[in-house]
């Protein structure tokens, strides 16, 4: 497993986007950023498909 365990930032009293703005706002912002990035990548055509797929995977994965 790569990365931190779920809740690690909370245990360390670190500020996180969800802690500051709530889960719903965090999900909405994430979706907005992926949409914007996907639009920005459109100029690269098929060459950007792997980046688009990666962005969507990261957003849609469930822990």
C-alpha atoms as a PDB file:
ATOM      1  CA  UNK A   1       0.000   0.000   0.000  1.00  0.00           C
ATOM      2  CA  UNK A   2       1.294   3.405  -0.936  1.00  0.00           C
ATOM      3  CA  UNK A   3       0.363   6.531   0.974  1.00  0.00           C
ATOM      4  CA  UNK A   4      -1.033   7.306   4.373  1.00  0.00           C
ATOM      5  CA  UNK A   5      -3.664   5.362   6.238  1.00  0.00           C
ATOM      6  CA  UNK A   6      -7.165   6.810   6.310  1.00  0.00           C
ATOM      7  CA  UNK A   7      -7.514   9.292   9.161  1.00  0.00           C
ATOM      8  CA  UNK A   8      -3.764   9.900   9.552  1.00  0.00           C
ATOM      9  CA  UNK A   9      -4.083  13.662   9.030  1.00  0.00           C
ATOM     10  CA  UNK A  10      -6.956  13.860  11.497  1.00  0.00           C
ATOM     11  CA  UNK A  11      -4.934  12.030  14.151  1.00  0.00           C
ATOM     12  CA  UNK A  12      -2.097  14.520  13.604  1.00  0.00           C
ATOM     13  CA  UNK A  13      -4.524  17.484  13.820  1.00  0.00           C
ATOM     14  CA  UNK A  14      -3.612  18.537  10.268  1.00  0.00           C
ATOM     15  CA  UNK A  15      -5.983  20.740   8.317  1.00  0.00           C
ATOM     16  CA  UNK A  16      -7.580  19.014   5.354  1.00  0.00           C
ATOM     17  CA  UNK A  17      -9.971  20.336   2.719  1.00  0.00           C
ATOM     18  CA  UNK A  18     -12.827  18.103   3.974  1.00  0.00           C
ATOM     19  CA  UNK A  19     -12.222  19.148   7.585  1.00  0.00           C
ATOM     20  CA  UNK A  20     -12.325  22.826   6.626  1.00  0.00           C
ATOM     21  CA  UNK A  21     -15.094  22.843   4.020  1.00  0.00           C
ATOM     22  CA  UNK A  22     -17.021  19.598   4.498  1.00  0.00           C
ATOM     23  CA  UNK A  23     -17.185  16.452   2.436  1.00  0.00           C
ATOM     24  CA  UNK A  24     -19.831  17.636  -0.040  1.00  0.00           C
ATOM     25  CA  UNK A  25     -17.884  20.817  -0.881  1.00  0.00           C
ATOM     26  CA  UNK A  26     -14.704  18.745  -1.208  1.00  0.00           C
ATOM     27  CA  UNK A  27     -16.308  16.340  -3.672  1.00  0.00           C
ATOM     28  CA  UNK A  28     -17.793  19.221  -5.670  1.00  0.00           C
ATOM     29  CA  UNK A  29     -14.431  21.005  -5.834  1.00  0.00           C
ATOM     30  CA  UNK A  30     -12.665  17.822  -6.879  1.00  0.00           C
ATOM     31  CA  UNK A  31     -15.175  17.258  -9.682  1.00  0.00           C
ATOM     32  CA  UNK A  32     -14.750  20.869 -10.794  1.00  0.00           C
ATOM     33  CA  UNK A  33     -10.961  20.549 -10.916  1.00  0.00           C
ATOM     34  CA  UNK A  34     -11.079  17.315 -12.922  1.00  0.00           C
ATOM     35  CA  UNK A  35     -13.557  18.863 -15.363  1.00  0.00           C
ATOM     36  CA  UNK A  36     -11.299  21.890 -15.799  1.00  0.00           C
ATOM     37  CA  UNK A  37      -8.177  19.765 -16.231  1.00  0.00           C
ATOM     38  CA  UNK A  38      -9.923  17.558 -18.783  1.00  0.00           C
ATOM     39  CA  UNK A  39     -10.916  20.630 -20.785  1.00  0.00           C
ATOM     40  CA  UNK A  40      -7.361  21.972 -20.618  1.00  0.00           C
ATOM     41  CA  UNK A  41      -5.996  18.636 -21.853  1.00  0.00           C
ATOM     42  CA  UNK A  42      -8.303  18.651 -24.891  1.00  0.00           C
ATOM     43  CA  UNK A  43      -5.700  20.570 -26.926  1.00  0.00           C
ATOM     44  CA  UNK A  44      -3.437  17.509 -26.744  1.00  0.00           C
ATOM     45  CA  UNK A  45      -6.040  15.198 -28.263  1.00  0.00           C
ATOM     46  CA  UNK A  46      -5.443  11.467 -27.938  1.00  0.00           C
ATOM     47  CA  UNK A  47      -2.028  12.091 -26.367  1.00  0.00           C
ATOM     48  CA  UNK A  48      -3.759  13.172 -23.150  1.00  0.00           C
ATOM     49  CA  UNK A  49      -6.068  10.171 -22.776  1.00  0.00           C
ATOM     50  CA  UNK A  50      -3.879   8.475 -20.166  1.00  0.00           C
ATOM     51  CA  UNK A  51      -3.822  11.635 -18.027  1.00  0.00           C
ATOM     52  CA  UNK A  52      -7.598  11.994 -18.305  1.00  0.00           C
ATOM     53  CA  UNK A  53      -8.046   8.356 -17.327  1.00  0.00           C
ATOM     54  CA  UNK A  54      -5.718   8.758 -14.355  1.00  0.00           C
ATOM     55  CA  UNK A  55      -7.563  11.846 -13.122  1.00  0.00           C
ATOM     56  CA  UNK A  56     -10.906  10.067 -13.386  1.00  0.00           C
ATOM     57  CA  UNK A  57      -9.546   6.972 -11.632  1.00  0.00           C
ATOM     58  CA  UNK A  58      -8.241   9.018  -8.720  1.00  0.00           C
ATOM     59  CA  UNK A  59     -11.549  10.842  -8.296  1.00  0.00           C
ATOM     60  CA  UNK A  60     -13.758   7.775  -8.666  1.00  0.00           C
ATOM     61  CA  UNK A  61     -11.811   5.258  -6.576  1.00  0.00           C
ATOM     62  CA  UNK A  62     -13.312   4.088  -3.318  1.00  0.00           C
ATOM     63  CA  UNK A  63     -11.230   3.235  -0.245  1.00  0.00           C
END
